[in-house]
Amino acid sequence: MMHNLVRNPASWYVAALAVACPVEELLPPDRLDRLLQWSSTNLANLHLWPQGHPVEALVVSAFVPQDSVWIWPLLALSTYTVVSLLGAGRTVALLALVHVGVTAATETMVWWRIHHGSLPPSDAYLLDTGPSYLVVAAMAVAMCRARQVWIRLVWLVLLGVAAPGLLDGITDGDCSAIGHVLAFTAGLTVVWTHRQRRATPDLITA
């Protein structure tokens, strides 16, 4: 049991987010602000080297929550369901793809709006860090594919509680809120694809 937990990437990710809570609380405000600025996946940081540091920002931002730091280790428990469904390697690849892909999509929207004058140039430097995109995708999977029905209901409730914050500003075209919708859609796509692949052998056999 313990051996399986240690080998599970979900355990390491939840632990990393749990460690981030006291670290962010203990850091002096100026150092925390510098960390958030450096790890933010905004246009300035995603610019290619040497002006930016896109790889470093994308990696570190997944481990540095910006708001409600304490809630993310709890919500990240949903990654266990993804691992049980897809396996460790595919889970890491999938959630990394969601994190990078949704970030790229939302920041492209920011760039487009700045370029066309609907957002100020200063929005290229907005704080945008945290694990929310990949965690929302994992929660969507857990809500549909957790082994016990009551666990699925728990994830449904948690997602419902978190939804107002995650979707804040969506009616005004907030890019982060749109990103959360994209991440949720990605999670549902994984569920649908997995069901289709499981159904295909049955159809062939029949």
C-alpha atoms as a PDB file:
ATOM      1  CA  MET A   1       0.000   0.000   0.000  1.00  0.00           C
ATOM      2  CA  MET A   2       2.654   2.517   1.070  1.00  0.00           C
ATOM      3  CA  HIS A   3       4.887   1.439  -1.806  1.00  0.00           C
ATOM      4  CA  ASN A   4       2.094   2.142  -4.305  1.00  0.00           C
ATOM      5  CA  LEU A   5       1.434   5.564  -2.803  1.00  0.00           C
ATOM      6  CA  VAL A   6       5.087   6.523  -3.042  1.00  0.00           C
ATOM      7  CA  ARG A   7       5.251   5.439  -6.682  1.00  0.00           C
ATOM      8  CA  ASN A   8       2.055   7.301  -7.582  1.00  0.00           C
ATOM      9  CA  PRO A   9       2.757  10.725  -9.163  1.00  0.00           C
ATOM     10  CA  ALA A  10      -0.497  11.998  -7.654  1.00  0.00           C
ATOM     11  CA  SER A  11       1.005  11.540  -4.187  1.00  0.00           C
ATOM     12  CA  TRP A  12       4.022  13.642  -5.065  1.00  0.00           C
ATOM     13  CA  TYR A  13       1.911  16.358  -6.619  1.00  0.00           C
ATOM     14  CA  VAL A  14      -0.489  16.586  -3.683  1.00  0.00           C
ATOM     15  CA  ALA A  15       2.488  16.650  -1.317  1.00  0.00           C
ATOM     16  CA  ALA A  16       4.161  19.427  -3.317  1.00  0.00           C
ATOM     17  CA  LEU A  17       1.026  21.576  -3.161  1.00  0.00           C
ATOM     18  CA  ALA A  18       0.696  20.850   0.563  1.00  0.00           C
ATOM     19  CA  VAL A  19       4.274  22.043   1.103  1.00  0.00           C
ATOM     20  CA  ALA A  20       3.538  25.169  -0.925  1.00  0.00           C
ATOM     21  CA  CYS A  21       0.930  26.251   1.654  1.00  0.00           C
ATOM     22  CA  PRO A  22       3.295  26.904   4.606  1.00  0.00           C
ATOM     23  CA  VAL A  23       6.078  28.078   2.291  1.00  0.00           C
ATOM     24  CA  GLU A  24       3.902  30.831   0.832  1.00  0.00           C
ATOM     25  CA  GLU A  25       2.674  31.744   4.322  1.00  0.00           C
ATOM     26  CA  LEU A  26       6.223  32.007   5.696  1.00  0.00           C
ATOM     27  CA  LEU A  27       7.748  33.933   2.825  1.00  0.00           C
ATOM     28  CA  PRO A  28       8.034  37.708   3.344  1.00  0.00           C
ATOM     29  CA  PRO A  29       5.507  39.553   1.144  1.00  0.00           C
ATOM     30  CA  ASP A  30       8.164  40.999  -1.149  1.00  0.00           C
ATOM     31  CA  ARG A  31       9.750  37.590  -1.789  1.00  0.00           C
ATOM     32  CA  LEU A  32       6.366  35.951  -2.323  1.00  0.00           C
ATOM     33  CA  ASP A  33       5.492  38.666  -4.808  1.00  0.00           C
ATOM     34  CA  ARG A  34       8.759  38.087  -6.682  1.00  0.00           C
ATOM     35  CA  LEU A  35       8.078  34.342  -6.766  1.00  0.00           C
ATOM     36  CA  LEU A  36       4.573  34.873  -8.123  1.00  0.00           C
ATOM     37  CA  GLN A  37       5.818  37.381 -10.685  1.00  0.00           C
ATOM     38  CA  TRP A  38       8.594  35.059 -11.869  1.00  0.00           C
ATOM     39  CA  SER A  39       6.418  31.925 -12.063  1.00  0.00           C
ATOM     40  CA  SER A  40       3.438  33.661 -13.629  1.00  0.00           C
ATOM     41  CA  THR A  41       2.483  32.313 -17.037  1.00  0.00           C
ATOM     42  CA  ASN A  42       1.796  35.725 -18.513  1.00  0.00           C
ATOM     43  CA  LEU A  43       2.892  36.985 -21.924  1.00  0.00           C
ATOM     44  CA  ALA A  44       6.017  38.649 -20.552  1.00  0.00           C
ATOM     45  CA  ASN A  45       7.331  35.447 -18.965  1.00  0.00           C
ATOM     46  CA  LEU A  46       6.237  33.222 -21.854  1.00  0.00           C
ATOM     47  CA  HIS A  47       8.289  35.280 -24.284  1.00  0.00           C
ATOM     48  CA  LEU A  48      11.191  33.299 -25.696  1.00  0.00           C
ATOM     49  CA  TRP A  49      14.611  33.611 -24.096  1.00  0.00           C
ATOM     50  CA  PRO A  50      16.360  35.832 -23.152  1.00  0.00           C
ATOM     51  CA  GLN A  51      13.442  38.255 -22.624  1.00  0.00           C
ATOM     52  CA  GLY A  52      11.327  35.586 -20.961  1.00  0.00           C
ATOM     53  CA  HIS A  53      11.579  32.133 -19.394  1.00  0.00           C
ATOM     54  CA  PRO A  54       8.631  30.120 -20.740  1.00  0.00           C
ATOM     55  CA  VAL A  55       9.639  26.595 -19.673  1.00  0.00           C
ATOM     56  CA  GLU A  56      10.562  27.599 -16.129  1.00  0.00           C
ATOM     57  CA  ALA A  57       7.355  29.616 -15.698  1.00  0.00           C
ATOM     58  CA  LEU A  58       5.144  26.817 -17.019  1.00  0.00           C
ATOM     59  CA  VAL A  59       6.732  24.206 -14.757  1.00  0.00           C
ATOM     60  CA  VAL A  60       6.929  26.220 -11.535  1.00  0.00           C
ATOM     61  CA  SER A  61       3.481  27.803 -11.913  1.00  0.00           C
ATOM     62  CA  ALA A  62       1.841  24.366 -11.592  1.00  0.00           C
ATOM     63  CA  PHE A  63       3.231  24.170  -8.044  1.00  0.00           C
ATOM     64  CA  VAL A  64       2.669  27.766  -6.894  1.00  0.00           C
ATOM     65  CA  PRO A  65      -0.989  28.570  -6.169  1.00  0.00           C
ATOM     66  CA  GLN A  66      -1.863  32.235  -6.374  1.00  0.00           C
ATOM     67  CA  ASP A  67      -5.077  32.289  -4.332  1.00  0.00           C
ATOM     68  CA  SER A  68      -6.756  30.022  -1.741  1.00  0.00           C
ATOM     69  CA  VAL A  69      -3.494  28.132  -1.318  1.00  0.00           C
ATOM     70  CA  TRP A  70      -4.894  25.668   1.227  1.00  0.00           C
ATOM     71  CA  ILE A  71      -7.652  24.311  -1.045  1.00  0.00           C
ATOM     72  CA  TRP A  72      -5.467  23.077  -3.884  1.00  0.00           C
ATOM     73  CA  PRO A  73      -3.949  20.007  -2.152  1.00  0.00           C
ATOM     74  CA  LEU A  74      -7.501  18.858  -1.405  1.00  0.00           C
ATOM     75  CA  LEU A  75      -8.740  19.385  -4.949  1.00  0.00           C
ATOM     76  CA  ALA A  76      -5.581  17.806  -6.372  1.00  0.00           C
ATOM     77  CA  LEU A  77      -6.602  14.499  -4.764  1.00  0.00           C
ATOM     78  CA  SER A  78      -8.675  14.112  -7.931  1.00  0.00           C
ATOM     79  CA  THR A  79      -5.449  13.255  -9.758  1.00  0.00           C
ATOM     80  CA  TYR A  80      -5.525   9.823  -8.071  1.00  0.00           C
ATOM     81  CA  THR A  81      -8.574   8.945 -10.139  1.00  0.00           C
ATOM     82  CA  VAL A  82      -6.809   9.974 -13.328  1.00  0.00           C
ATOM     83  CA  VAL A  83      -3.828   7.779 -12.441  1.00  0.00           C
ATOM     84  CA  SER A  84      -6.094   4.802 -11.724  1.00  0.00           C
ATOM     85  CA  LEU A  85      -7.823   5.364 -15.059  1.00  0.00           C
ATOM     86  CA  LEU A  86      -4.871   6.087 -17.349  1.00  0.00           C
ATOM     87  CA  GLY A  87      -1.761   4.991 -15.473  1.00  0.00           C
ATOM     88  CA  ALA A  88       1.057   7.126 -14.102  1.00  0.00           C
ATOM     89  CA  GLY A  89       2.861   8.024 -17.323  1.00  0.00           C
ATOM     90  CA  ARG A  90      -0.237   8.948 -19.315  1.00  0.00           C
ATOM     91  CA  THR A  91      -1.597  10.977 -16.416  1.00  0.00           C
ATOM     92  CA  VAL A  92       1.555  13.077 -16.144  1.00  0.00           C
ATOM     93  CA  ALA A  93       1.595  13.606 -19.909  1.00  0.00           C
ATOM     94  CA  LEU A  94      -2.115  14.442 -20.076  1.00  0.00           C
ATOM     95  CA  LEU A  95      -2.204  16.916 -17.199  1.00  0.00           C
ATOM     96  CA  ALA A  96       1.011  18.572 -18.387  1.00  0.00           C
ATOM     97  CA  LEU A  97      -0.580  18.924 -21.824  1.00  0.00           C
ATOM     98  CA  VAL A  98      -3.713  20.462 -20.309  1.00  0.00           C
ATOM     99  CA  HIS A  99      -1.645  22.895 -18.228  1.00  0.00           C
ATOM    100  CA  VAL A 100       0.490  23.975 -21.195  1.00  0.00           C
ATOM    101  CA  GLY A 101      -2.254  23.851 -23.815  1.00  0.00           C
ATOM    102  CA  VAL A 102      -4.876  25.822 -21.903  1.00  0.00           C
ATOM    103  CA  THR A 103      -2.258  28.362 -20.807  1.00  0.00           C
ATOM    104  CA  ALA A 104      -1.184  28.806 -24.426  1.00  0.00           C
ATOM    105  CA  ALA A 105      -4.803  29.246 -25.519  1.00  0.00           C
ATOM    106  CA  THR A 106      -5.654  31.828 -22.865  1.00  0.00           C
ATOM    107  CA  GLU A 107      -2.464  33.814 -23.316  1.00  0.00           C
ATOM    108  CA  THR A 108      -3.036  33.835 -27.066  1.00  0.00           C
ATOM    109  CA  MET A 109      -6.408  35.431 -26.335  1.00  0.00           C
ATOM    110  CA  VAL A 110      -4.694  38.015 -24.136  1.00  0.00           C
ATOM    111  CA  TRP A 111      -2.172  38.771 -26.893  1.00  0.00           C
ATOM    112  CA  TRP A 112      -4.930  39.102 -29.483  1.00  0.00           C
ATOM    113  CA  ARG A 113      -6.932  41.486 -27.332  1.00  0.00           C
ATOM    114  CA  ILE A 114      -3.905  43.610 -26.490  1.00  0.00           C
ATOM    115  CA  HIS A 115      -2.973  43.701 -30.179  1.00  0.00           C
ATOM    116  CA  HIS A 116      -6.485  44.873 -31.102  1.00  0.00           C
ATOM    117  CA  GLY A 117      -6.776  47.371 -28.268  1.00  0.00           C
ATOM    118  CA  SER A 118      -9.457  45.708 -26.131  1.00  0.00           C
ATOM    119  CA  LEU A 119      -6.970  45.086 -23.303  1.00  0.00           C
ATOM    120  CA  PRO A 120      -4.225  47.407 -22.043  1.00  0.00           C
ATOM    121  CA  PRO A 121      -0.568  46.435 -22.692  1.00  0.00           C
ATOM    122  CA  SER A 122      -0.091  46.088 -18.927  1.00  0.00           C
ATOM    123  CA  ASP A 123      -2.148  42.868 -19.059  1.00  0.00           C
ATOM    124  CA  ALA A 124       0.913  41.166 -20.517  1.00  0.00           C
ATOM    125  CA  TYR A 125       2.323  41.317 -16.964  1.00  0.00           C
ATOM    126  CA  LEU A 126      -0.718  40.139 -14.988  1.00  0.00           C
ATOM    127  CA  LEU A 127      -0.237  37.489 -12.317  1.00  0.00           C
ATOM    128  CA  ASP A 128      -1.403  34.124 -13.642  1.00  0.00           C
ATOM    129  CA  THR A 129       0.020  31.205 -11.702  1.00  0.00           C
ATOM    130  CA  GLY A 130      -1.312  28.063 -10.084  1.00  0.00           C
ATOM    131  CA  PRO A 131      -2.493  24.512 -10.782  1.00  0.00           C
ATOM    132  CA  SER A 132      -6.113  25.320 -11.523  1.00  0.00           C
ATOM    133  CA  TYR A 133      -6.237  24.225 -15.175  1.00  0.00           C
ATOM    134  CA  LEU A 134      -4.820  20.759 -14.631  1.00  0.00           C
ATOM    135  CA  VAL A 135      -6.735  20.271 -11.364  1.00  0.00           C
ATOM    136  CA  VAL A 136     -10.048  21.238 -12.968  1.00  0.00           C
ATOM    137  CA  ALA A 137      -9.410  18.692 -15.728  1.00  0.00           C
ATOM    138  CA  ALA A 138      -8.626  16.045 -13.096  1.00  0.00           C
ATOM    139  CA  MET A 139     -11.777  16.926 -11.154  1.00  0.00           C
ATOM    140  CA  ALA A 140     -13.869  16.489 -14.297  1.00  0.00           C
ATOM    141  CA  VAL A 141     -12.408  13.014 -14.732  1.00  0.00           C
ATOM    142  CA  ALA A 142     -12.913  12.139 -11.053  1.00  0.00           C
ATOM    143  CA  MET A 143     -16.483  13.389 -11.140  1.00  0.00           C
ATOM    144  CA  CYS A 144     -17.286  10.927 -13.928  1.00  0.00           C
ATOM    145  CA  ARG A 145     -14.922   8.022 -13.337  1.00  0.00           C
ATOM    146  CA  ALA A 146     -14.205   7.640  -9.607  1.00  0.00           C
ATOM    147  CA  ARG A 147     -14.759   4.006  -8.581  1.00  0.00           C
ATOM    148  CA  GLN A 148     -17.385   4.744  -5.917  1.00  0.00           C
ATOM    149  CA  VAL A 149     -20.534   6.690  -6.769  1.00  0.00           C
ATOM    150  CA  TRP A 150     -20.370   8.649  -3.520  1.00  0.00           C
ATOM    151  CA  ILE A 151     -16.851   9.802  -4.404  1.00  0.00           C
ATOM    152  CA  ARG A 152     -18.154  11.032  -7.751  1.00  0.00           C
ATOM    153  CA  LEU A 153     -20.809  12.994  -5.874  1.00  0.00           C
ATOM    154  CA  VAL A 154     -18.154  14.507  -3.595  1.00  0.00           C
ATOM    155  CA  TRP A 155     -16.204  15.751  -6.609  1.00  0.00           C
ATOM    156  CA  LEU A 156     -19.390  17.084  -8.179  1.00  0.00           C
ATOM    157  CA  VAL A 157     -20.152  19.068  -5.011  1.00  0.00           C
ATOM    158  CA  LEU A 158     -16.579  20.355  -4.696  1.00  0.00           C
ATOM    159  CA  LEU A 159     -16.565  21.422  -8.316  1.00  0.00           C
ATOM    160  CA  GLY A 160     -19.889  23.175  -7.805  1.00  0.00           C
ATOM    161  CA  VAL A 161     -18.540  25.012  -4.764  1.00  0.00           C
ATOM    162  CA  ALA A 162     -15.405  26.058  -6.626  1.00  0.00           C
ATOM    163  CA  ALA A 163     -17.205  27.014  -9.838  1.00  0.00           C
ATOM    164  CA  PRO A 164     -18.159  30.606  -8.915  1.00  0.00           C
ATOM    165  CA  GLY A 165     -14.528  31.484  -8.233  1.00  0.00           C
ATOM    166  CA  LEU A 166     -13.215  29.582 -11.233  1.00  0.00           C
ATOM    167  CA  LEU A 167     -15.736  31.198 -13.584  1.00  0.00           C
ATOM    168  CA  ASP A 168     -15.572  34.689 -12.115  1.00  0.00           C
ATOM    169  CA  GLY A 169     -15.615  37.228 -14.940  1.00  0.00           C
ATOM    170  CA  ILE A 170     -16.524  34.797 -17.696  1.00  0.00           C
ATOM    171  CA  THR A 171     -19.426  36.974 -18.860  1.00  0.00           C
ATOM    172  CA  ASP A 172     -16.872  39.741 -19.415  1.00  0.00           C
ATOM    173  CA  GLY A 173     -14.590  37.418 -21.360  1.00  0.00           C
ATOM    174  CA  ASP A 174     -12.084  36.833 -18.556  1.00  0.00           C
ATOM    175  CA  CYS A 175      -9.366  34.629 -20.055  1.00  0.00           C
ATOM    176  CA  SER A 176      -8.692  32.617 -16.886  1.00  0.00           C
ATOM    177  CA  ALA A 177     -12.383  31.774 -16.558  1.00  0.00           C
ATOM    178  CA  ILE A 178     -12.462  30.694 -20.199  1.00  0.00           C
ATOM    179  CA  GLY A 179      -9.368  28.611 -19.477  1.00  0.00           C
ATOM    180  CA  HIS A 180     -11.194  26.770 -16.716  1.00  0.00           C
ATOM    181  CA  VAL A 181     -14.006  25.925 -19.137  1.00  0.00           C
ATOM    182  CA  LEU A 182     -11.430  24.614 -21.615  1.00  0.00           C
ATOM    183  CA  ALA A 183      -9.767  22.538 -18.888  1.00  0.00           C
ATOM    184  CA  PHE A 184     -13.109  21.058 -17.793  1.00  0.00           C
ATOM    185  CA  THR A 185     -13.912  20.247 -21.407  1.00  0.00           C
ATOM    186  CA  ALA A 186     -10.529  18.536 -21.748  1.00  0.00           C
ATOM    187  CA  GLY A 187     -11.327  16.370 -18.724  1.00  0.00           C
ATOM    188  CA  LEU A 188     -14.702  15.365 -20.148  1.00  0.00           C
ATOM    189  CA  THR A 189     -13.015  14.583 -23.476  1.00  0.00           C
ATOM    190  CA  VAL A 190     -10.656  12.199 -21.691  1.00  0.00           C
ATOM    191  CA  VAL A 191     -13.618  10.448 -20.063  1.00  0.00           C
ATOM    192  CA  TRP A 192     -15.456  10.132 -23.377  1.00  0.00           C
ATOM    193  CA  THR A 193     -12.366   8.896 -25.226  1.00  0.00           C
ATOM    194  CA  HIS A 194     -11.633   6.304 -22.561  1.00  0.00           C
ATOM    195  CA  ARG A 195     -15.203   4.994 -22.691  1.00  0.00           C
ATOM    196  CA  GLN A 196     -15.072   4.791 -26.478  1.00  0.00           C
ATOM    197  CA  ARG A 197     -11.830   2.813 -26.391  1.00  0.00           C
ATOM    198  CA  ARG A 198     -13.287   0.385 -23.850  1.00  0.00           C
ATOM    199  CA  ALA A 199     -16.443  -0.046 -25.913  1.00  0.00           C
ATOM    200  CA  THR A 200     -14.599  -0.736 -29.182  1.00  0.00           C
ATOM    201  CA  PRO A 201     -13.271  -4.239 -28.243  1.00  0.00           C
ATOM    202  CA  ASP A 202     -16.781  -5.229 -27.110  1.00  0.00           C
ATOM    203  CA  LEU A 203     -18.199  -4.207 -30.494  1.00  0.00           C
ATOM    204  CA  ILE A 204     -15.475  -6.128 -32.329  1.00  0.00           C
ATOM    205  CA  THR A 205     -16.113  -9.226 -30.189  1.00  0.00           C
ATOM    206  CA  ALA A 206     -19.843  -9.014 -30.784  1.00  0.00           C
END
